[in-house]
């Protein structure tokens, strides 16, 4: 599975409308995700994709596209 599709699937599993998400979707503004929810997303991505995510770095990401790029370059667990 492609990284973008895996991340999109994870968002969908967390009850976000994945059909409304594109690379320019702003996580906080458009999806109303707060820092706690962003941490939950990071944990879900770690479990689903088997990567290590630095929460401090992940919290700095602003768009869905940035998350996809970050995950694509993340090191495996």
C-alpha atoms as a PDB file:
ATOM      1  CA  UNK A   1       0.000   0.000   0.000  1.00  0.00           C
ATOM      2  CA  UNK A   2       1.250   3.459  -0.918  1.00  0.00           C
ATOM      3  CA  UNK A   3       2.198   5.732   2.011  1.00  0.00           C
ATOM      4  CA  UNK A   4      -0.423   8.357   1.132  1.00  0.00           C
ATOM      5  CA  UNK A   5      -3.180   5.732   0.987  1.00  0.00           C
ATOM      6  CA  UNK A   6      -2.047   4.190   4.293  1.00  0.00           C
ATOM      7  CA  UNK A   7      -2.066   7.580   6.031  1.00  0.00           C
ATOM      8  CA  UNK A   8      -5.462   8.404   4.513  1.00  0.00           C
ATOM      9  CA  UNK A   9      -6.807   5.053   5.687  1.00  0.00           C
ATOM     10  CA  UNK A  10      -5.557   5.758   9.212  1.00  0.00           C
ATOM     11  CA  UNK A  11      -7.334   9.128   9.204  1.00  0.00           C
ATOM     12  CA  UNK A  12     -10.491   7.384   8.001  1.00  0.00           C
ATOM     13  CA  UNK A  13     -10.215   4.811  10.797  1.00  0.00           C
ATOM     14  CA  UNK A  14     -10.064   7.712  13.267  1.00  0.00           C
ATOM     15  CA  UNK A  15     -13.427   8.985  11.977  1.00  0.00           C
ATOM     16  CA  UNK A  16     -12.180  11.786   9.759  1.00  0.00           C
ATOM     17  CA  UNK A  17     -13.941  12.093   6.413  1.00  0.00           C
ATOM     18  CA  UNK A  18     -11.088  10.794   4.287  1.00  0.00           C
ATOM     19  CA  UNK A  19     -12.839  11.691   1.019  1.00  0.00           C
ATOM     20  CA  UNK A  20     -12.540  15.366   1.989  1.00  0.00           C
ATOM     21  CA  UNK A  21      -8.791  15.236   2.688  1.00  0.00           C
ATOM     22  CA  UNK A  22      -6.156  16.209   0.136  1.00  0.00           C
ATOM     23  CA  UNK A  23      -2.499  17.204   0.407  1.00  0.00           C
ATOM     24  CA  UNK A  24      -3.384  20.844   1.123  1.00  0.00           C
ATOM     25  CA  UNK A  25      -5.830  20.044   3.924  1.00  0.00           C
ATOM     26  CA  UNK A  26      -4.709  21.901   7.037  1.00  0.00           C
ATOM     27  CA  UNK A  27      -4.816  19.536   9.982  1.00  0.00           C
ATOM     28  CA  UNK A  28      -5.701  22.022  12.711  1.00  0.00           C
ATOM     29  CA  UNK A  29      -7.779  24.521  10.759  1.00  0.00           C
ATOM     30  CA  UNK A  30      -9.672  22.333   8.272  1.00  0.00           C
ATOM     31  CA  UNK A  31     -10.023  19.178  10.363  1.00  0.00           C
ATOM     32  CA  UNK A  32     -10.147  20.878  13.786  1.00  0.00           C
ATOM     33  CA  UNK A  33      -7.481  18.536  15.183  1.00  0.00           C
ATOM     34  CA  UNK A  34      -5.964  19.588  18.508  1.00  0.00           C
ATOM     35  CA  UNK A  35      -2.565  18.532  19.858  1.00  0.00           C
ATOM     36  CA  UNK A  36      -3.999  15.562  21.780  1.00  0.00           C
ATOM     37  CA  UNK A  37      -5.735  14.250  18.665  1.00  0.00           C
ATOM     38  CA  UNK A  38      -2.566  14.792  16.649  1.00  0.00           C
ATOM     39  CA  UNK A  39      -0.693  12.629  19.151  1.00  0.00           C
ATOM     40  CA  UNK A  40      -3.391   9.954  18.777  1.00  0.00           C
ATOM     41  CA  UNK A  41      -2.942  10.112  14.993  1.00  0.00           C
ATOM     42  CA  UNK A  42       0.823   9.717  15.395  1.00  0.00           C
ATOM     43  CA  UNK A  43       0.363   6.671  17.636  1.00  0.00           C
ATOM     44  CA  UNK A  44      -2.077   5.103  15.181  1.00  0.00           C
ATOM     45  CA  UNK A  45       0.341   5.696  12.303  1.00  0.00           C
ATOM     46  CA  UNK A  46       3.212   4.166  14.292  1.00  0.00           C
ATOM     47  CA  UNK A  47       1.150   1.042  14.979  1.00  0.00           C
ATOM     48  CA  UNK A  48      -0.309   0.759  11.488  1.00  0.00           C
ATOM     49  CA  UNK A  49       2.821   1.513   9.486  1.00  0.00           C
ATOM     50  CA  UNK A  50       5.547   0.345  11.857  1.00  0.00           C
ATOM     51  CA  UNK A  51       7.461   3.632  11.878  1.00  0.00           C
ATOM     52  CA  UNK A  52       8.976   5.761  14.619  1.00  0.00           C
ATOM     53  CA  UNK A  53       7.415   9.223  14.946  1.00  0.00           C
ATOM     54  CA  UNK A  54       8.927  12.027  16.992  1.00  0.00           C
ATOM     55  CA  UNK A  55       5.929  13.716  18.619  1.00  0.00           C
ATOM     56  CA  UNK A  56       7.651  17.113  18.733  1.00  0.00           C
ATOM     57  CA  UNK A  57       8.367  17.030  15.009  1.00  0.00           C
ATOM     58  CA  UNK A  58       4.931  15.628  14.197  1.00  0.00           C
ATOM     59  CA  UNK A  59       3.221  18.435  16.122  1.00  0.00           C
ATOM     60  CA  UNK A  60       4.916  20.955  13.805  1.00  0.00           C
ATOM     61  CA  UNK A  61       3.355  19.518  10.647  1.00  0.00           C
ATOM     62  CA  UNK A  62       0.541  21.645   9.248  1.00  0.00           C
ATOM     63  CA  UNK A  63      -0.954  19.845   6.260  1.00  0.00           C
ATOM     64  CA  UNK A  64      -1.917  16.332   5.294  1.00  0.00           C
ATOM     65  CA  UNK A  65       0.741  16.425   2.566  1.00  0.00           C
ATOM     66  CA  UNK A  66       3.428  17.270   5.145  1.00  0.00           C
ATOM     67  CA  UNK A  67       2.321  14.290   7.229  1.00  0.00           C
ATOM     68  CA  UNK A  68       2.579  11.987   4.215  1.00  0.00           C
ATOM     69  CA  UNK A  69       6.112  13.246   3.436  1.00  0.00           C
ATOM     70  CA  UNK A  70       7.126  12.867   7.086  1.00  0.00           C
ATOM     71  CA  UNK A  71       5.823   9.292   7.253  1.00  0.00           C
ATOM     72  CA  UNK A  72       7.485   8.403   3.948  1.00  0.00           C
ATOM     73  CA  UNK A  73      10.845   9.432   5.396  1.00  0.00           C
ATOM     74  CA  UNK A  74      10.298   8.002   8.915  1.00  0.00           C
ATOM     75  CA  UNK A  75      12.534   5.205  10.057  1.00  0.00           C
ATOM     76  CA  UNK A  76      11.051   1.760  10.711  1.00  0.00           C
ATOM     77  CA  UNK A  77      10.508   0.552  14.263  1.00  0.00           C
END
